[in-house]
């Protein structure tokens, strides 16, 4: 079954790796174009780091899926480590005391908490699912990828356009 077979996810992983790498590169450009404004606001450097993490985590997830002939245990551990490390960093970034005063609460939840929790939980659940042949297995990866990309793109828009308004 595809949910528990990493080889079935090769095309998804290749597409994800290419898209997320390109988007992360574009964020570097956006940050460099607005570097003085970003550094002049105490909340924006952290938001730039959050954005890069959100756009890079799909790349990391894709790369571990693409490792040839690796066992399910190794893949499960890799997914769990990525989810816990990057997701933990993202959750720390969106703790209540870190919300910028100008950011509406709804936007903070949708673009901060939702992607952070998806990146934290979905790869861990996917890894556990691989180990127990249940819980949906690798079908949790698109949840992390899509929500991370959406959160990253929204933040990228804010770093490139909204801060100049």
Protein backbone atom coordinates (compact mmCIF):
# COMPACT_ATOMS: atom_id res chain seq x y z
CA UNK A 1 0.00 0.00 0.00
CA UNK A 2 1.32 3.46 -0.97
CA UNK A 3 0.87 4.90 2.52
CA UNK A 4 3.69 2.68 3.80
CA UNK A 5 5.96 2.44 0.74
CA UNK A 6 8.45 5.31 0.32
CA UNK A 7 9.19 4.26 -3.26
CA UNK A 8 5.62 5.18 -4.21
CA UNK A 9 6.32 8.75 -3.03
CA UNK A 10 9.31 9.45 -5.29
CA UNK A 11 7.48 11.73 -7.73
CA UNK A 12 5.84 13.66 -4.89
CA UNK A 13 9.20 14.06 -3.16
CA UNK A 14 11.01 15.21 -6.32
CA UNK A 15 8.33 17.81 -7.05
CA UNK A 16 8.30 18.96 -3.42
CA UNK A 17 12.08 19.26 -3.25
CA UNK A 18 12.26 21.37 -6.41
CA UNK A 19 9.40 23.66 -5.49
CA UNK A 20 10.46 24.25 -1.90
CA UNK A 21 14.12 24.86 -2.83
CA UNK A 22 13.08 27.43 -5.44
CA UNK A 23 10.73 29.19 -3.02
CA UNK A 24 13.33 29.26 -0.23
CA UNK A 25 15.79 30.81 -2.68
CA UNK A 26 13.28 33.49 -3.57
CA UNK A 27 12.85 34.34 0.11
CA UNK A 28 16.58 34.94 0.38
CA UNK A 29 16.18 37.45 -2.45
CA UNK A 30 13.16 39.07 -0.77
CA UNK A 31 15.01 39.38 2.52
CA UNK A 32 18.09 40.84 0.85
CA UNK A 33 15.95 43.42 -0.99
CA UNK A 34 14.35 44.58 2.25
CA UNK A 35 17.20 43.84 4.65
CA UNK A 36 17.38 47.31 6.23
CA UNK A 37 13.62 47.38 6.90
CA UNK A 38 13.65 43.82 8.25
CA UNK A 39 16.59 44.49 10.57
CA UNK A 40 14.99 47.75 11.71
CA UNK A 41 11.93 45.95 13.12
CA UNK A 42 12.50 43.66 16.11
CA UNK A 43 9.83 41.17 14.96
CA UNK A 44 10.86 40.75 11.34
CA UNK A 45 14.20 38.88 11.58
CA UNK A 46 12.40 36.09 13.45
CA UNK A 47 9.63 36.11 10.90
CA UNK A 48 12.21 35.82 8.12
CA UNK A 49 13.75 32.81 9.88
CA UNK A 50 10.28 31.29 10.33
CA UNK A 51 9.62 31.80 6.63
CA UNK A 52 12.84 30.10 5.59
CA UNK A 53 12.14 27.18 7.91
CA UNK A 54 8.61 26.79 6.56
CA UNK A 55 9.87 26.75 2.98
CA UNK A 56 12.86 24.50 3.73
CA UNK A 57 11.11 21.80 5.79
CA UNK A 58 9.32 20.33 2.73
CA UNK A 59 12.74 20.06 1.09
CA UNK A 60 14.15 18.19 4.10
CA UNK A 61 11.13 15.87 4.21
CA UNK A 62 11.41 15.18 0.50
CA UNK A 63 15.12 14.45 0.68
CA UNK A 64 14.76 11.80 3.38
CA UNK A 65 11.97 10.12 1.41
CA UNK A 66 14.29 10.03 -1.62
CA UNK A 67 17.13 8.20 0.13
CA UNK A 68 17.38 4.96 -1.84
CA UNK A 69 16.78 1.57 -0.26
CA UNK A 70 16.45 2.86 3.27
CA UNK A 71 14.37 0.94 5.75
CA UNK A 72 11.12 2.08 7.28
CA UNK A 73 12.68 2.48 10.72
CA UNK A 74 15.37 4.84 9.41
CA UNK A 75 12.80 6.89 7.47
CA UNK A 76 10.49 7.00 10.48
CA UNK A 77 13.30 8.29 12.69
CA UNK A 78 14.33 10.90 10.11
CA UNK A 79 10.78 12.16 9.72
CA UNK A 80 10.36 12.33 13.49
CA UNK A 81 13.62 14.21 13.98
CA UNK A 82 12.76 16.75 11.27
CA UNK A 83 9.28 17.26 12.67
CA UNK A 84 10.48 17.65 16.25
CA UNK A 85 13.42 19.93 15.47
CA UNK A 86 11.89 22.25 12.90
CA UNK A 87 8.38 22.03 14.31
CA UNK A 88 9.70 22.72 17.80
CA UNK A 89 11.55 25.79 16.53
CA UNK A 90 8.44 27.02 14.71
CA UNK A 91 6.21 26.51 17.75
CA UNK A 92 8.73 28.40 19.89
CA UNK A 93 8.60 31.22 17.31
CA UNK A 94 4.79 31.59 17.60
CA UNK A 95 4.44 31.48 21.36
CA UNK A 96 1.98 34.13 22.60
CA UNK A 97 4.62 36.62 23.79
CA UNK A 98 6.23 36.65 20.34
CA UNK A 99 3.24 37.89 18.31
CA UNK A 100 3.85 41.31 16.80
CA UNK A 101 1.33 43.89 18.01
CA UNK A 102 0.44 44.79 14.42
CA UNK A 103 -0.31 41.16 13.50
CA UNK A 104 -3.99 40.28 13.91
CA UNK A 105 -4.67 37.29 16.15
CA UNK A 106 -6.43 35.39 13.34
CA UNK A 107 -3.44 35.85 11.03
CA UNK A 108 -1.09 34.79 13.82
CA UNK A 109 -3.07 31.56 14.29
CA UNK A 110 -3.53 30.76 10.59
CA UNK A 111 -0.04 31.66 9.39
CA UNK A 112 1.89 30.86 12.56
CA UNK A 113 0.28 28.17 14.69
CA UNK A 114 -1.34 26.04 11.98
CA UNK A 115 1.83 25.54 9.90
CA UNK A 116 3.99 25.15 13.04
CA UNK A 117 1.76 22.41 14.42
CA UNK A 118 1.51 20.72 11.02
CA UNK A 119 5.31 20.66 10.69
CA UNK A 120 5.66 19.40 14.26
CA UNK A 121 2.97 16.71 14.21
CA UNK A 122 2.46 15.45 10.64
CA UNK A 123 5.99 14.05 10.06
CA UNK A 124 5.98 12.45 13.52
CA UNK A 125 2.61 10.81 12.82
CA UNK A 126 3.86 9.71 9.38
CA UNK A 127 6.92 8.13 10.99
CA UNK A 128 4.86 6.37 13.64
CA UNK A 129 2.46 5.22 10.93
CA UNK A 130 5.35 3.68 9.01
CA UNK A 131 6.43 1.76 12.08
CA UNK A 132 2.98 0.40 12.94
CA UNK A 133 1.50 0.19 9.41
CA UNK A 134 -1.34 2.47 10.46
CA UNK A 135 -2.37 6.06 11.11
CA UNK A 136 -2.19 6.89 7.41
CA UNK A 137 1.58 6.55 7.12
CA UNK A 138 3.16 8.83 4.55
CA UNK A 139 -0.18 10.42 3.67
CA UNK A 140 0.60 12.84 6.52
CA UNK A 141 3.49 14.31 4.53
CA UNK A 142 1.29 16.35 2.15
CA UNK A 143 -0.36 17.90 5.21
CA UNK A 144 3.01 19.16 6.45
CA UNK A 145 4.18 20.17 2.98
CA UNK A 146 1.06 22.09 1.94
CA UNK A 147 0.60 23.92 5.24
CA UNK A 148 4.30 24.75 5.49
CA UNK A 149 4.34 26.12 1.94
CA UNK A 150 1.18 28.14 2.51
CA UNK A 151 2.54 29.64 5.73
CA UNK A 152 5.89 30.31 4.11
CA UNK A 153 4.35 31.98 1.08
CA UNK A 154 2.18 34.23 3.22
CA UNK A 155 5.20 35.27 5.26
CA UNK A 156 7.26 35.78 2.11
CA UNK A 157 4.57 38.11 0.76
CA UNK A 158 4.65 40.08 4.02
CA UNK A 159 8.47 40.31 3.93
CA UNK A 160 8.55 41.40 0.30
CA UNK A 161 5.49 43.64 -0.02
CA UNK A 162 3.55 44.31 3.16
CA UNK A 163 6.46 45.74 5.17
CA UNK A 164 6.90 48.46 2.57
CA UNK A 165 3.33 49.73 2.86
